Amino acid sequence: MNAELRANAERLEQEQRDRARQAVIGERTRIARELPALRAGASGFLLKDTPAAQLTGALRMIAAGDALLAPGITRRLIEEFTNRARLAAAPGTRRTHRPRA
């Protein structure tokens, strides 16, 4: 394969990867498992006990470019986010970027 064909093949392969959507289907909701999957590029996190019709609809939404999380996962992520925000706002926990003397 010459260099031009290889470059075209690599470009097409990258375009396909860029368009691909990923969904994680798990058994339970765990922040420790969900956040890394989302950081790695997953567009959705669903639970295995989701009814087939809802799962099919959810996967179609993800394939179309939307993001979707199971309701229990959404609730846990909101709790995690608000807990972190609350801790950051608590007196004595604010960090500054000023050098200490």
C-alpha atoms as a PDB file:
ATOM      1  CA  MET A   1       0.000   0.000   0.000  1.00  0.00           C
ATOM      2  CA  ASN A   2       1.504   3.326  -0.977  1.00  0.00           C
ATOM      3  CA  ALA A   3       1.675   6.304   1.385  1.00  0.00           C
ATOM      4  CA  GLU A   4      -1.302   8.133  -0.163  1.00  0.00           C
ATOM      5  CA  LEU A   5      -3.597   5.099   0.104  1.00  0.00           C
ATOM      6  CA  ARG A   6      -2.467   4.489   3.676  1.00  0.00           C
ATOM      7  CA  ALA A   7      -3.130   8.135   4.610  1.00  0.00           C
ATOM      8  CA  ASN A   8      -6.623   7.973   3.051  1.00  0.00           C
ATOM      9  CA  ALA A   9      -7.374   4.700   4.858  1.00  0.00           C
ATOM     10  CA  GLU A  10      -6.229   6.161   8.186  1.00  0.00           C
ATOM     11  CA  ARG A  11      -8.305   9.315   7.623  1.00  0.00           C
ATOM     12  CA  LEU A  12     -11.434   7.266   6.834  1.00  0.00           C
ATOM     13  CA  GLU A  13     -10.830   5.059   9.857  1.00  0.00           C
ATOM     14  CA  GLN A  14     -10.499   8.121  12.110  1.00  0.00           C
ATOM     15  CA  GLU A  15     -13.699   9.641  10.688  1.00  0.00           C
ATOM     16  CA  GLN A  16     -15.576   6.430  11.488  1.00  0.00           C
ATOM     17  CA  ARG A  17     -14.225   6.427  15.043  1.00  0.00           C
ATOM     18  CA  ASP A  18     -15.228  10.080  15.448  1.00  0.00           C
ATOM     19  CA  ARG A  19     -18.806   9.297  14.384  1.00  0.00           C
ATOM     20  CA  ALA A  20     -19.103   6.174  16.525  1.00  0.00           C
ATOM     21  CA  ARG A  21     -21.193   6.464  19.662  1.00  0.00           C
ATOM     22  CA  GLN A  22     -20.655   4.290  22.690  1.00  0.00           C
ATOM     23  CA  ALA A  23     -23.075   3.195  25.344  1.00  0.00           C
ATOM     24  CA  VAL A  24     -22.224   1.270  28.476  1.00  0.00           C
ATOM     25  CA  ILE A  25     -24.800  -1.216  29.711  1.00  0.00           C
ATOM     26  CA  GLY A  26     -24.258  -2.253  33.309  1.00  0.00           C
ATOM     27  CA  GLU A  27     -25.994  -4.055  36.135  1.00  0.00           C
ATOM     28  CA  ARG A  28     -25.768  -1.378  38.828  1.00  0.00           C
ATOM     29  CA  THR A  29     -25.183   2.304  39.254  1.00  0.00           C
ATOM     30  CA  ARG A  30     -21.742   3.123  40.607  1.00  0.00           C
ATOM     31  CA  ILE A  31     -20.115   6.497  40.278  1.00  0.00           C
ATOM     32  CA  ALA A  32     -16.695   4.818  40.256  1.00  0.00           C
ATOM     33  CA  ARG A  33     -17.692   2.936  37.105  1.00  0.00           C
ATOM     34  CA  GLU A  34     -19.801   5.568  35.356  1.00  0.00           C
ATOM     35  CA  LEU A  35     -17.484   8.571  35.491  1.00  0.00           C
ATOM     36  CA  PRO A  36     -14.507   6.848  33.833  1.00  0.00           C
ATOM     37  CA  ALA A  37     -16.795   5.526  31.084  1.00  0.00           C
ATOM     38  CA  LEU A  38     -18.171   9.003  30.449  1.00  0.00           C
ATOM     39  CA  ARG A  39     -14.691  10.548  30.542  1.00  0.00           C
ATOM     40  CA  ALA A  40     -13.577   7.943  27.994  1.00  0.00           C
ATOM     41  CA  GLY A  41     -16.279   9.132  25.620  1.00  0.00           C
ATOM     42  CA  ALA A  42     -19.355   7.034  26.297  1.00  0.00           C
ATOM     43  CA  SER A  43     -22.521   8.808  25.207  1.00  0.00           C
ATOM     44  CA  GLY A  44     -24.761   6.784  27.439  1.00  0.00           C
ATOM     45  CA  PHE A  45     -24.911   4.570  30.484  1.00  0.00           C
ATOM     46  CA  LEU A  46     -27.893   2.266  30.737  1.00  0.00           C
ATOM     47  CA  LEU A  47     -28.905  -0.561  33.022  1.00  0.00           C
ATOM     48  CA  LYS A  48     -29.356  -4.181  31.946  1.00  0.00           C
ATOM     49  CA  ASP A  49     -32.819  -4.341  33.472  1.00  0.00           C
ATOM     50  CA  THR A  50     -34.104  -1.634  31.099  1.00  0.00           C
ATOM     51  CA  PRO A  51     -37.077  -2.997  29.125  1.00  0.00           C
ATOM     52  CA  ALA A  52     -36.120  -3.985  25.565  1.00  0.00           C
ATOM     53  CA  ALA A  53     -38.288  -1.348  23.876  1.00  0.00           C
ATOM     54  CA  GLN A  54     -36.795   1.435  26.027  1.00  0.00           C
ATOM     55  CA  LEU A  55     -33.287   0.098  25.497  1.00  0.00           C
ATOM     56  CA  THR A  56     -33.782   0.081  21.731  1.00  0.00           C
ATOM     57  CA  GLY A  57     -35.071   3.658  21.806  1.00  0.00           C
ATOM     58  CA  ALA A  58     -32.196   4.747  24.023  1.00  0.00           C
ATOM     59  CA  LEU A  59     -29.609   3.204  21.715  1.00  0.00           C
ATOM     60  CA  ARG A  60     -31.198   4.894  18.714  1.00  0.00           C
ATOM     61  CA  MET A  61     -30.989   8.241  20.520  1.00  0.00           C
ATOM     62  CA  ILE A  62     -27.319   7.663  21.316  1.00  0.00           C
ATOM     63  CA  ALA A  63     -26.599   6.598  17.725  1.00  0.00           C
ATOM     64  CA  ALA A  64     -28.235   9.849  16.551  1.00  0.00           C
ATOM     65  CA  GLY A  65     -25.773  11.845  18.645  1.00  0.00           C
ATOM     66  CA  ASP A  66     -27.711  12.417  21.852  1.00  0.00           C
ATOM     67  CA  ALA A  67     -26.473  11.509  25.316  1.00  0.00           C
ATOM     68  CA  LEU A  68     -28.566   9.450  27.685  1.00  0.00           C
ATOM     69  CA  LEU A  69     -28.238   8.173  31.217  1.00  0.00           C
ATOM     70  CA  ALA A  70     -30.520   5.841  33.116  1.00  0.00           C
ATOM     71  CA  PRO A  71     -32.595   7.781  35.696  1.00  0.00           C
ATOM     72  CA  GLY A  72     -30.829   6.186  38.669  1.00  0.00           C
ATOM     73  CA  ILE A  73     -27.461   7.120  37.231  1.00  0.00           C
ATOM     74  CA  THR A  74     -28.587  10.683  36.597  1.00  0.00           C
ATOM     75  CA  ARG A  75     -29.761  10.952  40.214  1.00  0.00           C
ATOM     76  CA  ARG A  76     -26.426   9.655  41.558  1.00  0.00           C
ATOM     77  CA  LEU A  77     -24.392  11.977  39.331  1.00  0.00           C
ATOM     78  CA  ILE A  78     -26.455  14.957  40.474  1.00  0.00           C
ATOM     79  CA  GLU A  79     -25.919  13.946  44.117  1.00  0.00           C
ATOM     80  CA  GLU A  80     -22.180  13.587  43.520  1.00  0.00           C
ATOM     81  CA  PHE A  81     -21.979  16.935  41.754  1.00  0.00           C
ATOM     82  CA  THR A  82     -23.949  18.787  44.448  1.00  0.00           C
ATOM     83  CA  ASN A  83     -21.923  17.141  47.231  1.00  0.00           C
ATOM     84  CA  ARG A  84     -18.668  18.249  45.611  1.00  0.00           C
ATOM     85  CA  ALA A  85     -20.041  21.761  45.078  1.00  0.00           C
ATOM     86  CA  ARG A  86     -21.191  21.900  48.705  1.00  0.00           C
ATOM     87  CA  LEU A  87     -17.763  20.793  49.961  1.00  0.00           C
ATOM     88  CA  ALA A  88     -16.000  23.326  47.755  1.00  0.00           C
ATOM     89  CA  ALA A  89     -18.203  26.115  49.093  1.00  0.00           C
ATOM     90  CA  ALA A  90     -17.763  25.171  52.763  1.00  0.00           C
ATOM     91  CA  PRO A  91     -15.792  27.671  54.880  1.00  0.00           C
ATOM     92  CA  GLY A  92     -12.123  26.827  55.181  1.00  0.00           C
ATOM     93  CA  THR A  93     -12.059  24.567  52.133  1.00  0.00           C
ATOM     94  CA  ARG A  94     -11.555  27.234  49.483  1.00  0.00           C
ATOM     95  CA  ARG A  95      -8.305  27.009  47.646  1.00  0.00           C
ATOM     96  CA  THR A  96      -6.486  29.959  46.232  1.00  0.00           C
ATOM     97  CA  HIS A  97      -3.672  30.054  43.774  1.00  0.00           C
ATOM     98  CA  ARG A  98      -1.674  32.578  45.770  1.00  0.00           C
ATOM     99  CA  PRO A  99       1.727  31.394  46.952  1.00  0.00           C
ATOM    100  CA  ARG A 100       2.045  30.899  50.677  1.00  0.00           C
ATOM    101  CA  ALA A 101       4.538  33.030  52.567  1.00  0.00           C
END
